[in-house]
Structure formats: structure tokens, C-alpha cells
Amino acid sequence: MTAPWTLQQINAVAPDPSSMTAARGVASAWLETGHDTTALWGLCRGRGTTPYRTAIDPSAPAYTCTCPSRKLPCKHALSLLVRWSEGAVPASEAPDFVTGWLAARAASTTLPVPADEPVKAPDPATAQRRAERVAAGLDDLDRWLTDRIRHGLGAVDHGYDTYEAIAARMVDAQAPGAASALRALATVVNDETDWPARLLAEYARLHLMTVAYRQRDGLPRPLLRSLQTHLGFSTRSEEVRAEPAVRDRWQVLAVRVTEESRMFTRKAWLRGRTSGRWAILLDFAHGTARFATPLPFPGSLVDADLHFYPGAAPLRAVLGRQHGETEPFTTLPATGLDAALDEYARMRGSDPWLRTWPVLLDAVTPTDSEEGWYVVDPSGRARLHAVAGGRPVTVCGDWDGTALAPVSLFTEGQVMTW
């Protein structure tokens, strides 16, 4: 097993700062702890008579706990990691609940793939039928958009049912990406002060999508793939792995695990140390947060091949071959505001339906105002909406052209994630 984690590494995997505070609150509640060469585990007093059973595989990393928390890792896992870092977890033999959990993980992540089994090519007739259904659905969407603009935004219904009806039509047309965008519009109207401007921008985005799909046969191949992705077309994993490998020393800047209806999503933000190229890794697991691909924690540097999904502005990728062991990084390439905004503009120019693009802003200072929190660059020229606080820091997040959604913060050799 790897050496005990540092407090910095533990902070990096915590879902939020309050989880670390809660972890400290259960520090004295441990009844039993232990570790071997594979995992660490413990029994922690809870509200009832039965203690919570917690186990961690640090090499993945992966966590399990019988507590009802939906956060991953939960406060008990974080507290156990802290005890481990302090040398307070003794070596012992793993109990049955740990060995059973490890065996289940191994069974779910090791699937035999026959080497001589051919990859089944998509049926052209099926693809053509879907293309026709999408085209018909987008024609209906364009008429719907035209009618709403003709009547004026103040004269049409903006209720949830209105957007749900046209979204359902997009689902029938096999364009789930357009359906998701439509379902979000009712929230825009109800929650945002300047909703007409935002709504018109989203209508324009959807209209451009319908026009582009009518002309799909004449689009450059990368732009067509981007359009299909935004509409909800899937890309086979074999096709992605067939894309040329991009090798770099990738810095893991943030990892976030979310859950909705028992579907767990793990999103990782990576940036090439040499190339400066961004990559997003997405993994999904149903029922429990057992992901098939191990991933280094934030603050790690991994020499690896990435294979990017095809598109006009490739961002999502899958992890390929790794070259050597991971190691921590202590420095980040400086990224100014101008460079970050220029890159965002280039990516939006390549893919007009792109919503967000990662940024890494160096030496920005959190500033409070009547409108909320901002981060201000050294010149004070520009302000970006954020949720950070304190002194000059380096912030990683997603920029949508208006606001920054921070995902991690680097300061004084430490990394914190939201």
C-alpha cells in the first residue's frame, strides 16, 4: 500500500471544507481501526447501537461506509485518513467486511474482453433512421423557437410544463442533449434577474444547432462530431481509444464526485504540464461509487497517454497507458486572465455550442462586494464571479463567458476542492 497520506492529500479529496470539520468531530469515536498492504478500515460510533463500518482503498482511491451520508468520501472516511496520516492506525488482518468489499470491487472492474472478438460496426440503416428522426425533431424545435420570438418573450408562457413539452419532443426525436438544454430554461426565467438576455442567447444557440444539422453533410468532420455530441449522440469507447494518444505529464487539478438517483459521476480536471492542454475525465457508476478506472488524487502528476473524444474543441478524454508512478507536483504554470480568456474565445470559435471551458487563474485575490464574491487579478482590471475567500491564490474552475465556477484552490502548497 502507498505511504500514509499527508493532510494536504486528505484535504484534496474532501468534498467540501465542512466535511473536514465534521471529520475532526468524530476523531474520538473510533472503536477499532486497522490497515494491511491493501486497505485501511475502522468501526466508528454512530447515533445508533451499531457502529459504522468504514473501509478505504488508498491506491484507487475508493471508499465505502455504512453511514447514510451521500458525500464521498464521508466524514468517517476522512477521519480515518487523518488517523492514518498521524500513524494511529495499526497493522492487522482485514475483517470480512473489508475483504468482501475489495473482492466485489475487483469483480466489478475486471471484465474479460476476448482479444479475437471483432468490434461490431454501427448499422448504417439504423444511423440513417436516427439522423432523420433528429432532423424532424429539430425542425419542430425551430418552428417552436420562431413562434416564441414572433410573439415576444413577454407574451408567451415560460412555465416548466411548456419547456417540458418541447423537451419531450426532443427525447422522442433522439436528441437528448437538446432536451436537457430546454429543461434548464424554465429555471433561467424563474431564478435569474436578467433572464431575457440569457434566454435569447440560449434560443440562438438552439437555433444555430437546428440550422447546422440541416447542413450537416457540408460541415467539417470535427465540427459535425461536436454538434452530434451536444445533441446527445454517444461515441463508442473503441472509437475514442483509436484516437491518437496524447502523452504528457498531466497535473490532476481537481476531482469531484456527484450523485443523482444513485448514479455516481466522477469528473477530473487535468492539465498537461508541457503542452498546457486541458482534459476532462468522466467516469460513471451506478448504485455505489465504485469506478472502474483508478484515478490519482488532486495535486498528483501522472505521466500518461490520453485519448480525446473527437470534436472541434476536444476536451473530454479517457486515460490510456501510464508511464511510471504518480508523484506530487509543487508548482503550477502561471496563467493570466488574458491568456485564459483568449483560450476560451478560441474554443468557442471552434465549437459555438460549447458552454464552459476550464481555466487556471494565477494570483487572483478574493474580494467581497454588494453583488457577492469575486476574484480580482493583480491589475484589478477584471472581476470573475467566484466562491473563494482570503488572499492571492491560484484557482481552477470552469468559465462560461460570464461567471467562474471554481472547483479547486491552490495556496501555500495546499490544494482544496469544492
Protein backbone atom coordinates (compact mmCIF):
# COMPACT_ATOMS: atom_id res chain seq x y z
CA MET A 1 0.00 0.00 0.00
CA THR A 2 1.12 3.56 -0.53
CA ALA A 3 2.62 5.57 2.31
CA PRO A 4 0.16 7.34 4.66
CA TRP A 5 -1.39 10.38 3.06
CA THR A 6 -0.47 13.88 4.07
CA LEU A 7 -3.06 16.32 5.36
CA GLN A 8 -2.80 18.13 2.02
CA GLN A 9 -3.79 14.98 0.16
CA ILE A 10 -6.72 14.40 2.50
CA ASN A 11 -7.95 17.98 2.06
CA ALA A 12 -7.74 17.48 -1.69
CA VAL A 13 -10.25 14.60 -1.72
CA ALA A 14 -12.66 16.16 0.81
CA PRO A 15 -15.93 17.11 -0.94
CA ASP A 16 -16.01 20.47 0.91
CA PRO A 17 -14.32 22.22 3.87
CA SER A 18 -17.23 21.41 6.20
CA SER A 19 -16.57 17.70 5.72
CA MET A 20 -13.10 18.12 7.21
CA THR A 21 -14.62 19.93 10.18
CA ALA A 22 -17.11 17.07 10.62
CA ALA A 23 -14.25 14.56 10.37
CA ARG A 24 -12.49 16.19 13.27
CA GLY A 25 -15.73 15.92 15.25
CA VAL A 26 -15.68 12.09 15.12
CA ALA A 27 -11.97 11.73 15.87
CA SER A 28 -12.67 10.30 19.33
CA ALA A 29 -15.49 7.98 18.20
CA TRP A 30 -13.35 5.21 16.70
CA LEU A 31 -13.75 1.83 18.37
CA GLU A 32 -11.34 -0.10 16.17
CA THR A 33 -9.04 0.66 13.24
CA GLY A 34 -6.50 -1.26 11.17
CA HIS A 35 -4.61 -1.48 7.91
CA ASP A 36 -2.79 -4.00 5.75
CA THR A 37 -0.94 -3.79 2.43
CA THR A 38 -4.17 -3.08 0.52
CA ALA A 39 -6.67 -1.16 2.63
CA LEU A 40 -7.43 0.56 5.91
CA TRP A 41 -10.64 0.24 7.88
CA GLY A 42 -12.38 1.04 11.13
CA LEU A 43 -15.52 0.90 13.25
CA CYS A 44 -16.88 4.28 14.36
CA ARG A 45 -19.66 5.01 16.87
CA GLY A 46 -22.77 6.49 15.32
CA ARG A 47 -26.15 7.58 16.58
CA GLY A 48 -27.44 4.02 16.99
CA THR A 49 -26.03 0.98 18.73
CA THR A 50 -24.38 -0.44 15.60
CA PRO A 51 -21.10 1.28 14.66
CA TYR A 52 -20.46 2.48 11.13
CA ARG A 53 -18.07 0.29 9.14
CA THR A 54 -15.62 2.27 7.02
CA ALA A 55 -13.04 0.96 4.54
CA ILE A 56 -10.65 2.71 2.16
CA ASP A 57 -8.50 1.54 -0.74
CA PRO A 58 -5.96 4.41 -0.93
CA SER A 59 -4.42 3.27 -4.21
CA ALA A 60 -7.63 3.85 -6.21
CA PRO A 61 -8.70 5.81 -4.15
CA ALA A 62 -12.05 4.24 -3.23
CA TYR A 63 -14.23 4.49 -0.11
CA THR A 64 -17.14 2.68 1.50
CA CYS A 65 -19.05 3.40 4.69
CA THR A 66 -22.33 2.20 6.17
CA CYS A 67 -23.27 5.71 7.30
CA PRO A 68 -26.19 7.42 5.48
CA SER A 69 -24.10 10.31 4.11
CA ARG A 70 -24.18 10.90 0.35
CA LYS A 71 -20.86 12.72 0.39
CA LEU A 72 -17.88 10.84 -0.93
CA PRO A 73 -15.66 10.44 0.95
CA CYS A 74 -17.82 10.86 4.06
CA LYS A 75 -16.62 12.36 7.34
CA HIS A 76 -15.78 8.90 8.70
CA ALA A 77 -13.51 8.08 5.76
CA LEU A 78 -11.80 11.47 6.09
CA SER A 79 -11.34 10.98 9.83
CA LEU A 80 -9.84 7.53 9.23
CA LEU A 81 -7.42 9.01 6.68
CA VAL A 82 -6.37 11.63 9.23
CA ARG A 83 -5.71 8.95 11.84
CA TRP A 84 -3.69 7.03 9.26
CA SER A 85 -1.62 10.14 8.44
CA GLU A 86 -0.91 10.55 12.17
CA GLY A 87 0.30 6.94 12.49
CA ALA A 88 -2.66 5.98 14.68
CA VAL A 89 -3.94 3.08 12.51
CA PRO A 90 -2.17 -0.19 13.48
CA ALA A 91 -1.33 -3.02 11.10
CA SER A 92 -3.67 -6.01 11.42
CA GLU A 93 -5.61 -8.61 9.45
CA ALA A 94 -8.53 -7.31 7.40
CA PRO A 95 -12.01 -8.30 8.68
CA ASP A 96 -14.57 -9.95 6.43
CA PHE A 97 -16.42 -6.74 5.54
CA VAL A 98 -13.19 -5.31 4.10
CA THR A 99 -12.11 -8.39 2.16
CA GLY A 100 -15.65 -8.76 0.81
CA TRP A 101 -15.73 -5.15 -0.34
CA LEU A 102 -12.33 -5.46 -2.05
CA ALA A 103 -13.40 -8.67 -3.78
CA ALA A 104 -16.60 -7.02 -5.04
CA ARG A 105 -14.60 -4.09 -6.39
CA ALA A 106 -12.18 -6.40 -8.16
CA ALA A 107 -15.04 -8.37 -9.71
CA SER A 108 -16.77 -5.22 -10.98
CA THR A 109 -13.65 -3.67 -12.50
CA THR A 110 -12.03 -6.74 -14.06
CA LEU A 111 -14.12 -7.80 -17.02
CA PRO A 112 -12.75 -10.29 -19.57
CA VAL A 113 -12.52 -8.92 -23.10
CA PRO A 114 -11.90 -11.60 -25.74
CA ALA A 115 -8.96 -10.46 -27.86
CA ASP A 116 -10.30 -12.07 -31.02
CA GLU A 117 -13.84 -10.73 -30.74
CA PRO A 118 -14.47 -8.23 -33.55
CA VAL A 119 -15.88 -4.82 -32.79
CA LYS A 120 -19.39 -4.57 -34.16
CA ALA A 121 -19.70 -1.66 -36.55
CA PRO A 122 -22.81 0.54 -36.28
CA ASP A 123 -25.59 -0.33 -38.70
CA PRO A 124 -25.77 2.37 -41.44
CA ALA A 125 -29.52 1.93 -41.81
CA THR A 126 -30.04 2.49 -38.08
CA ALA A 127 -27.82 5.56 -38.15
CA GLN A 128 -29.76 6.96 -41.10
CA ARG A 129 -33.10 6.44 -39.37
CA ARG A 130 -31.85 8.26 -36.29
CA ALA A 131 -30.50 11.14 -38.39
CA GLU A 132 -33.92 11.55 -39.99
CA ARG A 133 -35.69 11.49 -36.61
CA VAL A 134 -33.29 14.09 -35.19
CA ALA A 135 -33.75 16.30 -38.26
CA ALA A 136 -37.54 16.16 -37.99
CA GLY A 137 -37.41 16.93 -34.27
CA LEU A 138 -35.09 19.88 -34.77
CA ASP A 139 -37.39 21.27 -37.46
CA ASP A 140 -40.21 21.23 -34.88
CA LEU A 141 -37.88 22.91 -32.38
CA ASP A 142 -37.01 25.66 -34.85
CA ARG A 143 -40.69 26.37 -35.51
CA TRP A 144 -41.30 26.49 -31.75
CA LEU A 145 -38.45 28.98 -31.30
CA THR A 146 -39.68 31.12 -34.21
CA ASP A 147 -43.20 31.29 -32.77
CA ARG A 148 -41.91 32.41 -29.37
CA ILE A 149 -39.75 35.15 -30.86
CA ARG A 150 -42.58 36.31 -33.14
CA HIS A 151 -44.99 36.67 -30.21
CA GLY A 152 -42.42 38.23 -27.89
CA LEU A 153 -40.92 36.90 -24.67
CA GLY A 154 -43.43 38.78 -22.52
CA ALA A 155 -46.44 37.24 -24.26
CA VAL A 156 -45.58 33.54 -24.06
CA ASP A 157 -45.77 31.01 -21.26
CA HIS A 158 -42.44 30.27 -19.52
CA GLY A 159 -43.74 27.62 -17.13
CA TYR A 160 -41.98 24.32 -16.57
CA ASP A 161 -44.70 22.41 -18.43
CA THR A 162 -44.10 24.47 -21.58
CA TYR A 163 -40.42 23.60 -21.72
CA GLU A 164 -41.05 20.02 -20.64
CA ALA A 165 -43.40 19.50 -23.59
CA ILE A 166 -40.85 20.56 -26.22
CA ALA A 167 -38.10 18.71 -24.34
CA ALA A 168 -40.16 15.52 -24.52
CA ARG A 169 -40.41 16.02 -28.27
CA MET A 170 -36.60 16.14 -28.43
CA VAL A 171 -36.37 12.92 -26.46
CA ASP A 172 -38.73 11.26 -28.95
CA ALA A 173 -36.51 12.60 -31.74
CA GLN A 174 -33.44 11.01 -30.09
CA ALA A 175 -31.82 14.38 -29.34
CA PRO A 176 -31.48 14.19 -25.51
CA GLY A 177 -28.83 16.93 -25.44
CA ALA A 178 -31.32 19.45 -26.82
CA ALA A 179 -33.92 18.20 -24.32
CA SER A 180 -31.59 18.88 -21.39
CA ALA A 181 -30.89 22.41 -22.62
CA LEU A 182 -34.62 23.12 -22.92
CA ARG A 183 -35.46 21.80 -19.46
CA ALA A 184 -32.93 24.22 -17.97
CA LEU A 185 -34.63 27.29 -19.49
CA ALA A 186 -37.56 27.42 -17.07
CA THR A 187 -35.07 27.73 -14.21
CA VAL A 188 -33.34 30.59 -16.03
CA VAL A 189 -36.62 32.52 -16.23
CA ASN A 190 -37.52 31.90 -12.60
CA ASP A 191 -34.10 32.36 -10.98
CA GLU A 192 -32.17 34.99 -12.96
CA THR A 193 -32.78 38.73 -12.85
CA ASP A 194 -31.62 39.41 -16.42
CA TRP A 195 -33.40 36.35 -17.80
CA PRO A 196 -34.45 37.81 -21.19
CA ALA A 197 -30.83 38.25 -22.32
CA ARG A 198 -29.86 34.77 -21.16
CA LEU A 199 -32.98 33.24 -22.70
CA LEU A 200 -32.34 34.87 -26.07
CA ALA A 201 -28.77 33.61 -26.03
CA GLU A 202 -29.98 30.08 -25.37
CA TYR A 203 -32.64 30.36 -28.08
CA ALA A 204 -29.92 31.49 -30.51
CA ARG A 205 -27.74 28.54 -29.51
CA LEU A 206 -30.59 26.10 -30.19
CA HIS A 207 -31.46 27.79 -33.49
CA LEU A 208 -27.84 27.53 -34.64
CA MET A 209 -27.96 23.86 -33.75
CA THR A 210 -31.01 23.28 -35.97
CA VAL A 211 -29.50 25.21 -38.89
CA ALA A 212 -26.18 23.40 -38.61
CA TYR A 213 -27.86 19.99 -38.52
CA ARG A 214 -29.73 20.75 -41.74
CA GLN A 215 -26.32 21.42 -43.33
CA ARG A 216 -24.56 18.52 -41.59
CA ASP A 217 -23.33 16.93 -44.82
CA GLY A 218 -21.27 20.06 -45.54
CA LEU A 219 -19.82 20.56 -42.06
CA PRO A 220 -16.14 19.82 -41.33
CA ARG A 221 -15.85 16.43 -39.67
CA PRO A 222 -14.67 17.77 -36.25
CA LEU A 223 -17.49 20.33 -36.10
CA LEU A 224 -20.06 17.68 -37.04
CA ARG A 225 -18.81 15.47 -34.20
CA SER A 226 -19.15 18.37 -31.76
CA LEU A 227 -22.69 19.06 -32.96
CA GLN A 228 -23.63 15.40 -32.56
CA THR A 229 -22.18 15.34 -29.05
CA HIS A 230 -24.20 18.40 -28.00
CA LEU A 231 -27.33 16.78 -29.43
CA GLY A 232 -26.70 13.67 -27.34
CA PHE A 233 -25.11 11.22 -29.78
CA SER A 234 -22.83 8.79 -27.95
CA THR A 235 -19.31 7.84 -29.01
CA ARG A 236 -18.16 4.24 -28.70
CA SER A 237 -15.21 3.72 -26.35
CA GLU A 238 -13.33 1.76 -29.03
CA GLU A 239 -13.53 4.78 -31.30
CA VAL A 240 -12.15 7.08 -28.60
CA ARG A 241 -9.25 4.75 -27.82
CA ALA A 242 -8.47 4.59 -31.53
CA GLU A 243 -7.76 8.35 -31.49
CA PRO A 244 -4.04 9.26 -31.40
CA ALA A 245 -2.60 9.16 -27.88
CA VAL A 246 -1.51 12.47 -26.36
CA ARG A 247 1.29 11.87 -23.89
CA ASP A 248 2.12 14.49 -21.29
CA ARG A 249 2.81 14.84 -17.60
CA TRP A 250 -0.76 15.54 -16.59
CA GLN A 251 -1.47 17.56 -13.45
CA VAL A 252 -4.61 16.43 -11.63
CA LEU A 253 -6.05 19.78 -10.56
CA ALA A 254 -9.45 18.71 -9.20
CA VAL A 255 -11.67 15.66 -8.78
CA ARG A 256 -15.36 15.86 -7.92
CA VAL A 257 -17.85 13.02 -7.29
CA THR A 258 -21.57 13.77 -7.52
CA GLU A 259 -24.64 11.57 -7.17
CA GLU A 260 -28.11 11.79 -8.64
CA SER A 261 -30.69 9.00 -8.44
CA ARG A 262 -27.94 6.55 -7.42
CA MET A 263 -25.87 7.39 -10.50
CA PHE A 264 -22.41 8.50 -9.39
CA THR A 265 -20.32 10.72 -11.65
CA ARG A 266 -16.63 11.36 -11.15
CA LYS A 267 -15.20 14.36 -13.00
CA ALA A 268 -11.49 15.14 -13.05
CA TRP A 269 -9.77 18.26 -14.37
CA LEU A 270 -6.30 17.60 -15.85
CA ARG A 271 -3.79 19.93 -17.49
CA GLY A 272 -0.69 18.96 -19.44
CA ARG A 273 2.46 20.17 -17.72
CA THR A 274 4.31 20.59 -21.03
CA SER A 275 1.54 21.33 -23.51
CA GLY A 276 -0.80 23.31 -21.26
CA ARG A 277 -3.65 21.32 -22.80
CA TRP A 278 -6.83 20.72 -20.79
CA ALA A 279 -8.56 17.38 -20.37
CA ILE A 280 -11.72 16.28 -18.56
CA LEU A 281 -12.10 12.66 -17.46
CA LEU A 282 -15.63 11.43 -16.74
CA ASP A 283 -16.48 8.09 -15.13
CA PHE A 284 -19.86 6.74 -14.10
CA ALA A 285 -21.01 4.09 -11.64
CA HIS A 286 -24.49 3.01 -10.61
CA GLY A 287 -25.53 2.20 -7.08
CA THR A 288 -22.17 2.78 -5.43
CA ALA A 289 -19.18 4.97 -6.21
CA ARG A 290 -17.05 2.08 -7.46
CA PHE A 291 -15.39 3.41 -10.58
CA ALA A 292 -13.69 1.07 -12.99
CA THR A 293 -10.62 3.27 -13.53
CA PRO A 294 -8.37 4.26 -10.60
CA LEU A 295 -7.51 7.95 -10.59
CA PRO A 296 -4.75 9.85 -8.75
CA PHE A 297 -5.87 12.44 -6.20
CA PRO A 298 -5.67 16.21 -6.83
CA GLY A 299 -2.14 17.51 -6.52
CA SER A 300 -0.71 14.50 -8.38
CA LEU A 301 1.31 14.42 -11.57
CA VAL A 302 0.88 11.41 -13.85
CA ASP A 303 2.90 10.66 -16.99
CA ALA A 304 0.24 9.10 -19.20
CA ASP A 305 -1.41 8.84 -22.60
CA LEU A 306 -4.84 10.41 -23.03
CA HIS A 307 -7.22 9.69 -25.89
CA PHE A 308 -9.58 12.58 -26.65
CA TYR A 309 -13.15 12.32 -27.85
CA PRO A 310 -13.34 13.61 -31.43
CA GLY A 311 -14.64 17.14 -31.86
CA ALA A 312 -13.82 20.68 -32.91
CA ALA A 313 -12.58 21.60 -29.41
CA PRO A 314 -11.53 18.25 -27.87
CA LEU A 315 -11.76 18.29 -24.08
CA ARG A 316 -13.22 15.05 -22.73
CA ALA A 317 -10.71 12.20 -22.75
CA VAL A 318 -10.08 8.69 -21.46
CA LEU A 319 -6.97 7.59 -19.64
CA GLY A 320 -4.67 5.31 -21.62
CA ARG A 321 -1.28 3.86 -20.82
CA GLN A 322 0.54 5.25 -17.77
CA HIS A 323 4.31 5.62 -17.80
CA GLY A 324 5.74 5.24 -14.32
CA GLU A 325 4.37 6.10 -10.90
CA THR A 326 2.40 9.20 -9.97
CA GLU A 327 4.14 11.91 -7.98
CA PRO A 328 3.02 15.13 -6.29
CA PHE A 329 3.56 18.46 -8.01
CA THR A 330 4.54 21.59 -6.14
CA THR A 331 4.35 24.29 -8.84
CA LEU A 332 1.75 25.37 -11.36
CA PRO A 333 2.44 27.17 -14.66
CA ALA A 334 1.32 30.77 -14.24
CA THR A 335 -1.89 31.56 -16.12
CA GLY A 336 -3.02 35.14 -16.53
CA LEU A 337 -6.54 36.39 -17.15
CA ASP A 338 -5.84 37.46 -20.74
CA ALA A 339 -4.43 34.07 -21.72
CA ALA A 340 -7.37 32.26 -20.13
CA LEU A 341 -9.97 34.42 -21.87
CA ASP A 342 -8.15 34.15 -25.21
CA GLU A 343 -8.18 30.37 -24.96
CA TYR A 344 -11.88 30.38 -24.09
CA ALA A 345 -12.61 32.60 -27.11
CA ARG A 346 -10.65 30.27 -29.41
CA MET A 347 -12.51 27.23 -28.16
CA ARG A 348 -15.89 28.93 -28.54
CA GLY A 349 -14.86 29.92 -32.05
CA SER A 350 -14.14 26.28 -32.84
CA ASP A 351 -17.27 24.92 -31.12
CA PRO A 352 -20.08 27.53 -30.94
CA TRP A 353 -22.21 25.28 -28.69
CA LEU A 354 -19.51 24.98 -26.04
CA ARG A 355 -20.82 26.13 -22.65
CA THR A 356 -17.77 26.13 -20.40
CA TRP A 357 -14.00 25.74 -20.64
CA PRO A 358 -11.53 25.13 -17.81
CA VAL A 359 -9.31 27.98 -16.62
CA LEU A 360 -6.40 28.17 -14.19
CA LEU A 361 -6.05 31.71 -12.84
CA ASP A 362 -2.87 32.64 -11.01
CA ALA A 363 -2.50 35.23 -8.24
CA VAL A 364 -6.15 36.27 -8.00
CA THR A 365 -7.43 37.83 -4.81
CA PRO A 366 -10.92 37.08 -3.45
CA THR A 367 -12.86 40.30 -2.96
CA ASP A 368 -16.26 40.87 -1.39
CA SER A 369 -18.82 43.33 -2.76
CA GLU A 370 -22.52 44.06 -2.59
CA GLU A 371 -23.06 41.68 -5.51
CA GLY A 372 -21.22 38.75 -3.90
CA TRP A 373 -17.74 37.26 -4.06
CA TYR A 374 -15.29 37.98 -6.86
CA VAL A 375 -11.69 37.14 -7.63
CA VAL A 376 -9.65 40.06 -8.92
CA ASP A 377 -6.50 39.72 -10.98
CA PRO A 378 -3.32 41.68 -9.98
CA SER A 379 -4.14 44.65 -12.22
CA GLY A 380 -7.69 44.89 -10.88
CA ARG A 381 -8.97 45.09 -14.45
CA ALA A 382 -11.43 42.24 -14.39
CA ARG A 383 -13.59 40.51 -11.86
CA LEU A 384 -14.92 36.99 -12.08
CA HIS A 385 -17.80 35.66 -10.02
CA ALA A 386 -16.47 33.01 -7.65
CA VAL A 387 -16.80 31.49 -4.22
CA ALA A 388 -13.37 31.84 -2.66
CA GLY A 389 -12.05 33.85 0.24
CA GLY A 390 -8.79 35.13 1.65
CA ARG A 391 -5.51 36.07 -0.03
CA PRO A 392 -3.94 35.78 -3.51
CA VAL A 393 -4.45 32.21 -4.69
CA THR A 394 -4.46 30.07 -7.83
CA VAL A 395 -7.97 28.99 -8.80
CA CYS A 396 -9.04 26.22 -11.17
CA GLY A 397 -12.59 26.24 -12.45
CA ASP A 398 -14.99 26.33 -15.40
CA TRP A 399 -15.58 29.66 -17.18
CA ASP A 400 -18.83 30.15 -19.15
CA GLY A 401 -18.12 33.60 -20.55
CA THR A 402 -19.79 35.35 -17.61
CA ALA A 403 -19.05 33.53 -14.38
CA LEU A 404 -16.40 31.27 -12.92
CA ALA A 405 -17.44 28.07 -11.14
CA PRO A 406 -14.38 27.20 -9.02
CA VAL A 407 -13.50 23.54 -8.42
CA SER A 408 -10.16 23.80 -6.62
CA LEU A 409 -7.88 26.33 -4.99
CA PHE A 410 -4.09 26.21 -4.57
CA THR A 411 -2.33 28.20 -1.88
CA GLU A 412 0.81 27.76 0.19
CA GLY A 413 1.47 24.30 -1.20
CA GLN A 414 -2.02 23.04 -0.42
CA VAL A 415 -4.96 22.16 -2.66
CA MET A 416 -8.61 22.48 -1.64
CA THR A 417 -11.54 21.24 -3.71
CA TRP A 418 -15.22 22.21 -3.72
